[in-house]
Amino acid sequence: MTNSQSARAKNAGAKRQRLMAAAAQVVHQQGVERTTIADIARAADVQVGNVYYYFKTKDELVAAALAEHARQLEAITGKLDRLPDPRERLKSLVQGWVGQRDLAARYGCPTGTLAAELDKRPEGGLDAEAGNVIRLLLEWAERQFREMGLPDPDGLALTLVGAYQGMSLLANALRDPEIMVREGDRLTAWLDTL
């Protein structure tokens, strides 16, 4: 591969990544049905016609948004995994959720709201993809509880992630970011009792 071919491949990869990040953001803010390919192109600073080079359909862009959510989750949990104590990892995760309280109050949980919306579509497949992203978080949390030596680590992970989904939903429905603060404090206190 020549230097110019390598540069073009690198630029194409960067453009694809910008489109994926833009798709994740725009779909979170507007929902799947209200989002157009032009909206995503504009957010990514890419000409609309160029989007089709990377993604042929809107559903491919929604799948890319889900892949971006998974990538972001893996980056977050990768950083948390550097902390020496699993309880501190979980508490830091909760604090990260609380830190996103304004975003949650405005739009809800990025993956949770998308999963709920995709489940209502007549054509299937993408709803399962959204479930897979949530499953990544459940599995990570389960590993933390297991490392703590607690019984029923999968149940504890479900409680934690369910609490997050609930507080995100309520903060969004009531447009009250302080719900995230109060419930985050409650989750942190709960983790300290385990």
C-alpha atoms as a PDB file:
ATOM      1  CA  MET A   1       0.000   0.000   0.000  1.00  0.00           C
ATOM      2  CA  THR A   2       1.373   3.416  -0.938  1.00  0.00           C
ATOM      3  CA  ASN A   3       1.467   6.379   1.422  1.00  0.00           C
ATOM      4  CA  SER A   4      -1.421   8.048  -0.411  1.00  0.00           C
ATOM      5  CA  GLN A   5      -3.514   4.861  -0.205  1.00  0.00           C
ATOM      6  CA  SER A   6      -2.714   4.590   3.485  1.00  0.00           C
ATOM      7  CA  ALA A   7      -3.726   8.217   4.046  1.00  0.00           C
ATOM      8  CA  ARG A   8      -7.007   7.696   2.155  1.00  0.00           C
ATOM      9  CA  ALA A   9      -7.777   4.581   4.206  1.00  0.00           C
ATOM     10  CA  LYS A  10      -7.031   6.465   7.423  1.00  0.00           C
ATOM     11  CA  ASN A  11      -9.266   9.376   6.358  1.00  0.00           C
ATOM     12  CA  ALA A  12     -12.045   6.960   5.398  1.00  0.00           C
ATOM     13  CA  GLY A  13     -11.799   5.277   8.788  1.00  0.00           C
ATOM     14  CA  ALA A  14     -11.943   8.629  10.564  1.00  0.00           C
ATOM     15  CA  LYS A  15     -14.961   9.697   8.509  1.00  0.00           C
ATOM     16  CA  ARG A  16     -16.745   6.418   9.247  1.00  0.00           C
ATOM     17  CA  GLN A  17     -16.033   6.885  12.971  1.00  0.00           C
ATOM     18  CA  ARG A  18     -17.388  10.469  12.829  1.00  0.00           C
ATOM     19  CA  LEU A  19     -20.545   9.164  11.195  1.00  0.00           C
ATOM     20  CA  MET A  20     -20.950   6.481  13.851  1.00  0.00           C
ATOM     21  CA  ALA A  21     -20.483   8.989  16.680  1.00  0.00           C
ATOM     22  CA  ALA A  22     -22.879  11.429  15.012  1.00  0.00           C
ATOM     23  CA  ALA A  23     -25.453   8.678  14.501  1.00  0.00           C
ATOM     24  CA  ALA A  24     -25.248   7.742  18.193  1.00  0.00           C
ATOM     25  CA  GLN A  25     -25.694  11.361  19.255  1.00  0.00           C
ATOM     26  CA  VAL A  26     -28.442  12.355  16.827  1.00  0.00           C
ATOM     27  CA  VAL A  27     -30.475   9.172  17.270  1.00  0.00           C
ATOM     28  CA  HIS A  28     -30.257   9.630  21.061  1.00  0.00           C
ATOM     29  CA  GLN A  29     -31.471  13.213  20.817  1.00  0.00           C
ATOM     30  CA  GLN A  30     -34.123  12.809  18.123  1.00  0.00           C
ATOM     31  CA  GLY A  31     -35.063   9.143  18.090  1.00  0.00           C
ATOM     32  CA  VAL A  32     -34.830   6.808  15.125  1.00  0.00           C
ATOM     33  CA  GLU A  33     -38.010   7.820  13.359  1.00  0.00           C
ATOM     34  CA  ARG A  34     -37.315  11.578  13.431  1.00  0.00           C
ATOM     35  CA  THR A  35     -33.655  11.241  12.434  1.00  0.00           C
ATOM     36  CA  THR A  36     -32.718  11.543   8.793  1.00  0.00           C
ATOM     37  CA  ILE A  37     -29.497  10.585   7.076  1.00  0.00           C
ATOM     38  CA  ALA A  38     -29.052  14.302   6.354  1.00  0.00           C
ATOM     39  CA  ASP A  39     -29.206  15.038  10.118  1.00  0.00           C
ATOM     40  CA  ILE A  40     -26.415  12.561  10.757  1.00  0.00           C
ATOM     41  CA  ALA A  41     -24.349  13.834   7.827  1.00  0.00           C
ATOM     42  CA  ARG A  42     -24.679  17.399   9.120  1.00  0.00           C
ATOM     43  CA  ALA A  43     -23.652  16.390  12.659  1.00  0.00           C
ATOM     44  CA  ALA A  44     -20.641  14.496  11.286  1.00  0.00           C
ATOM     45  CA  ASP A  45     -19.720  17.320   8.894  1.00  0.00           C
ATOM     46  CA  VAL A  46     -19.929  14.926   5.947  1.00  0.00           C
ATOM     47  CA  GLN A  47     -21.734  15.513   2.663  1.00  0.00           C
ATOM     48  CA  VAL A  48     -24.978  13.551   2.502  1.00  0.00           C
ATOM     49  CA  GLY A  49     -23.921  11.722  -0.642  1.00  0.00           C
ATOM     50  CA  ASN A  50     -20.763  10.503   1.065  1.00  0.00           C
ATOM     51  CA  VAL A  51     -22.760   8.837   3.842  1.00  0.00           C
ATOM     52  CA  TYR A  52     -23.978   6.209   1.376  1.00  0.00           C
ATOM     53  CA  TYR A  53     -20.398   5.151   0.724  1.00  0.00           C
ATOM     54  CA  TYR A  54     -20.233   3.925   4.341  1.00  0.00           C
ATOM     55  CA  PHE A  55     -23.869   3.141   5.182  1.00  0.00           C
ATOM     56  CA  LYS A  56     -26.440   2.183   2.559  1.00  0.00           C
ATOM     57  CA  THR A  57     -29.568   2.541   4.701  1.00  0.00           C
ATOM     58  CA  LYS A  58     -30.827   4.336   7.763  1.00  0.00           C
ATOM     59  CA  ASP A  59     -30.976   0.989   9.578  1.00  0.00           C
ATOM     60  CA  GLU A  60     -27.258   0.518   8.913  1.00  0.00           C
ATOM     61  CA  LEU A  61     -26.694   3.906  10.555  1.00  0.00           C
ATOM     62  CA  VAL A  62     -28.825   2.875  13.538  1.00  0.00           C
ATOM     63  CA  ALA A  63     -26.760  -0.313  13.806  1.00  0.00           C
ATOM     64  CA  ALA A  64     -23.648   1.884  13.651  1.00  0.00           C
ATOM     65  CA  ALA A  65     -25.065   4.035  16.469  1.00  0.00           C
ATOM     66  CA  LEU A  66     -25.506   0.889  18.560  1.00  0.00           C
ATOM     67  CA  ALA A  67     -21.955  -0.190  17.748  1.00  0.00           C
ATOM     68  CA  GLU A  68     -20.781   3.242  18.876  1.00  0.00           C
ATOM     69  CA  HIS A  69     -22.706   2.883  22.154  1.00  0.00           C
ATOM     70  CA  ALA A  70     -20.990  -0.474  22.674  1.00  0.00           C
ATOM     71  CA  ARG A  71     -17.594   1.056  21.885  1.00  0.00           C
ATOM     72  CA  GLN A  72     -18.186   3.898  24.331  1.00  0.00           C
ATOM     73  CA  LEU A  73     -19.330   1.458  27.019  1.00  0.00           C
ATOM     74  CA  GLU A  74     -16.234  -0.680  26.511  1.00  0.00           C
ATOM     75  CA  ALA A  75     -14.047   2.425  26.782  1.00  0.00           C
ATOM     76  CA  ILE A  76     -15.746   3.455  30.034  1.00  0.00           C
ATOM     77  CA  THR A  77     -15.574   0.008  31.604  1.00  0.00           C
ATOM     78  CA  GLY A  78     -11.988  -0.380  30.394  1.00  0.00           C
ATOM     79  CA  LYS A  79     -11.037   2.755  32.329  1.00  0.00           C
ATOM     80  CA  LEU A  80     -12.994   1.591  35.356  1.00  0.00           C
ATOM     81  CA  ASP A  81     -11.220  -1.776  35.227  1.00  0.00           C
ATOM     82  CA  ARG A  82      -7.994   0.051  36.059  1.00  0.00           C
ATOM     83  CA  LEU A  83      -9.343   0.788  39.536  1.00  0.00           C
ATOM     84  CA  PRO A  84      -8.091  -1.856  41.981  1.00  0.00           C
ATOM     85  CA  ASP A  85     -11.375  -2.482  43.830  1.00  0.00           C
ATOM     86  CA  PRO A  86     -14.567  -3.784  42.160  1.00  0.00           C
ATOM     87  CA  ARG A  87     -16.788  -1.863  44.597  1.00  0.00           C
ATOM     88  CA  GLU A  88     -14.992   1.359  43.643  1.00  0.00           C
ATOM     89  CA  ARG A  89     -15.437   0.478  39.966  1.00  0.00           C
ATOM     90  CA  LEU A  90     -19.179   0.132  40.462  1.00  0.00           C
ATOM     91  CA  LYS A  91     -19.403   3.320  42.516  1.00  0.00           C
ATOM     92  CA  SER A  92     -17.423   5.185  39.853  1.00  0.00           C
ATOM     93  CA  LEU A  93     -19.821   3.868  37.218  1.00  0.00           C
ATOM     94  CA  VAL A  94     -22.743   5.262  39.218  1.00  0.00           C
ATOM     95  CA  GLN A  95     -20.969   8.609  39.558  1.00  0.00           C
ATOM     96  CA  GLY A  96     -20.467   8.626  35.794  1.00  0.00           C
ATOM     97  CA  TRP A  97     -24.205   8.125  35.341  1.00  0.00           C
ATOM     98  CA  VAL A  98     -24.903  10.984  37.745  1.00  0.00           C
ATOM     99  CA  GLY A  99     -22.429  13.142  35.836  1.00  0.00           C
ATOM    100  CA  GLN A 100     -24.628  12.685  32.751  1.00  0.00           C
ATOM    101  CA  ARG A 101     -27.774  13.775  34.631  1.00  0.00           C
ATOM    102  CA  ASP A 102     -28.595  16.751  32.395  1.00  0.00           C
ATOM    103  CA  LEU A 103     -28.331  14.618  29.276  1.00  0.00           C
ATOM    104  CA  ALA A 104     -30.438  11.871  30.885  1.00  0.00           C
ATOM    105  CA  ALA A 105     -33.081  14.377  31.973  1.00  0.00           C
ATOM    106  CA  ARG A 106     -33.311  15.715  28.435  1.00  0.00           C
ATOM    107  CA  TYR A 107     -33.091  12.489  26.402  1.00  0.00           C
ATOM    108  CA  GLY A 108     -33.006   9.446  28.727  1.00  0.00           C
ATOM    109  CA  CYS A 109     -30.440   6.637  28.615  1.00  0.00           C
ATOM    110  CA  PRO A 110     -28.929   6.432  25.119  1.00  0.00           C
ATOM    111  CA  THR A 111     -29.209   2.664  24.833  1.00  0.00           C
ATOM    112  CA  GLY A 112     -32.337   2.160  26.932  1.00  0.00           C
ATOM    113  CA  THR A 113     -34.432   4.682  25.019  1.00  0.00           C
ATOM    114  CA  LEU A 114     -33.174   3.306  21.722  1.00  0.00           C
ATOM    115  CA  ALA A 115     -33.990  -0.268  22.788  1.00  0.00           C
ATOM    116  CA  ALA A 116     -37.537   0.770  23.719  1.00  0.00           C
ATOM    117  CA  GLU A 117     -38.033   2.599  20.417  1.00  0.00           C
ATOM    118  CA  LEU A 118     -36.614  -0.207  18.293  1.00  0.00           C
ATOM    119  CA  ASP A 119     -38.820  -2.768  20.031  1.00  0.00           C
ATOM    120  CA  LYS A 120     -41.886  -0.961  18.693  1.00  0.00           C
ATOM    121  CA  ARG A 121     -40.803  -1.120  15.056  1.00  0.00           C
ATOM    122  CA  PRO A 122     -42.476  -3.769  12.889  1.00  0.00           C
ATOM    123  CA  GLU A 123     -39.190  -4.880  11.326  1.00  0.00           C
ATOM    124  CA  GLY A 124     -36.973  -6.741  13.755  1.00  0.00           C
ATOM    125  CA  GLY A 125     -33.342  -7.282  14.473  1.00  0.00           C
ATOM    126  CA  LEU A 126     -32.080  -3.952  15.703  1.00  0.00           C
ATOM    127  CA  ASP A 127     -33.965  -4.294  18.993  1.00  0.00           C
ATOM    128  CA  ALA A 128     -31.876  -7.392  19.727  1.00  0.00           C
ATOM    129  CA  GLU A 129     -28.730  -5.398  18.926  1.00  0.00           C
ATOM    130  CA  ALA A 130     -29.751  -2.790  21.505  1.00  0.00           C
ATOM    131  CA  GLY A 131     -30.307  -5.584  24.001  1.00  0.00           C
ATOM    132  CA  ASN A 132     -26.791  -6.830  23.308  1.00  0.00           C
ATOM    133  CA  VAL A 133     -25.336  -3.450  24.278  1.00  0.00           C
ATOM    134  CA  ILE A 134     -27.263  -3.506  27.552  1.00  0.00           C
ATOM    135  CA  ARG A 135     -26.099  -7.087  28.070  1.00  0.00           C
ATOM    136  CA  LEU A 136     -22.471  -5.872  27.868  1.00  0.00           C
ATOM    137  CA  LEU A 137     -23.126  -3.605  30.849  1.00  0.00           C
ATOM    138  CA  LEU A 138     -24.897  -6.362  32.768  1.00  0.00           C
ATOM    139  CA  GLU A 139     -22.013  -8.773  32.195  1.00  0.00           C
ATOM    140  CA  TRP A 140     -19.442  -6.196  33.299  1.00  0.00           C
ATOM    141  CA  ALA A 141     -21.392  -5.404  36.474  1.00  0.00           C
ATOM    142  CA  GLU A 142     -21.848  -9.122  37.169  1.00  0.00           C
ATOM    143  CA  ARG A 143     -18.078  -9.617  36.996  1.00  0.00           C
ATOM    144  CA  GLN A 144     -17.606  -6.861  39.572  1.00  0.00           C
ATOM    145  CA  PHE A 145     -20.084  -8.430  41.987  1.00  0.00           C
ATOM    146  CA  ARG A 146     -18.546 -11.855  41.413  1.00  0.00           C
ATOM    147  CA  GLU A 147     -15.074 -10.452  42.130  1.00  0.00           C
ATOM    148  CA  MET A 148     -16.481  -9.059  45.386  1.00  0.00           C
ATOM    149  CA  GLY A 149     -17.432 -12.638  46.274  1.00  0.00           C
ATOM    150  CA  LEU A 150     -21.133 -11.870  46.561  1.00  0.00           C
ATOM    151  CA  PRO A 151     -23.874 -14.435  46.021  1.00  0.00           C
ATOM    152  CA  ASP A 152     -26.197 -13.945  43.037  1.00  0.00           C
ATOM    153  CA  PRO A 153     -23.896 -11.601  41.080  1.00  0.00           C
ATOM    154  CA  ASP A 154     -26.170 -11.691  38.027  1.00  0.00           C
ATOM    155  CA  GLY A 155     -29.158 -10.661  40.138  1.00  0.00           C
ATOM    156  CA  LEU A 156     -27.176  -7.824  41.709  1.00  0.00           C
ATOM    157  CA  ALA A 157     -26.085  -6.665  38.252  1.00  0.00           C
ATOM    158  CA  LEU A 158     -29.700  -6.686  37.102  1.00  0.00           C
ATOM    159  CA  THR A 159     -30.694  -4.632  40.153  1.00  0.00           C
ATOM    160  CA  LEU A 160     -27.957  -2.078  39.466  1.00  0.00           C
ATOM    161  CA  VAL A 161     -28.613  -1.691  35.749  1.00  0.00           C
ATOM    162  CA  GLY A 162     -32.383  -1.746  36.318  1.00  0.00           C
ATOM    163  CA  ALA A 163     -32.009   1.062  38.857  1.00  0.00           C
ATOM    164  CA  TYR A 164     -30.010   3.074  36.320  1.00  0.00           C
ATOM    165  CA  GLN A 165     -32.615   2.543  33.618  1.00  0.00           C
ATOM    166  CA  GLY A 166     -35.364   3.519  36.042  1.00  0.00           C
ATOM    167  CA  MET A 167     -33.667   6.681  37.260  1.00  0.00           C
ATOM    168  CA  SER A 168     -32.850   7.690  33.677  1.00  0.00           C
ATOM    169  CA  LEU A 169     -36.440   7.140  32.605  1.00  0.00           C
ATOM    170  CA  LEU A 170     -37.852   9.107  35.542  1.00  0.00           C
ATOM    171  CA  ALA A 171     -35.342  11.941  35.159  1.00  0.00           C
ATOM    172  CA  ASN A 172     -36.320  12.163  31.490  1.00  0.00           C
ATOM    173  CA  ALA A 173     -40.075  11.855  31.992  1.00  0.00           C
ATOM    174  CA  LEU A 174     -40.079  14.456  34.768  1.00  0.00           C
ATOM    175  CA  ARG A 175     -37.265  16.564  33.222  1.00  0.00           C
ATOM    176  CA  ASP A 176     -35.576  16.514  36.625  1.00  0.00           C
ATOM    177  CA  PRO A 177     -31.812  15.820  36.660  1.00  0.00           C
ATOM    178  CA  GLU A 178     -31.821  15.805  40.464  1.00  0.00           C
ATOM    179  CA  ILE A 179     -33.516  12.397  40.337  1.00  0.00           C
ATOM    180  CA  MET A 180     -30.216  11.079  39.007  1.00  0.00           C
ATOM    181  CA  VAL A 181     -28.357  12.675  41.928  1.00  0.00           C
ATOM    182  CA  ARG A 182     -30.695  11.314  44.602  1.00  0.00           C
ATOM    183  CA  GLU A 183     -30.904   7.834  43.108  1.00  0.00           C
ATOM    184  CA  GLY A 184     -27.175   7.793  42.422  1.00  0.00           C
ATOM    185  CA  ASP A 185     -26.568   8.509  46.121  1.00  0.00           C
ATOM    186  CA  ARG A 186     -28.982   5.717  47.003  1.00  0.00           C
ATOM    187  CA  LEU A 187     -27.171   3.271  44.690  1.00  0.00           C
ATOM    188  CA  THR A 188     -23.779   4.257  46.108  1.00  0.00           C
ATOM    189  CA  ALA A 189     -25.050   3.704  49.656  1.00  0.00           C
ATOM    190  CA  TRP A 190     -26.478   0.331  48.599  1.00  0.00           C
ATOM    191  CA  LEU A 191     -23.130  -0.709  47.106  1.00  0.00           C
ATOM    192  CA  ASP A 192     -21.441   0.192  50.424  1.00  0.00           C
ATOM    193  CA  THR A 193     -23.751  -2.216  52.269  1.00  0.00           C
ATOM    194  CA  LEU A 194     -22.829  -5.219  50.135  1.00  0.00           C
END
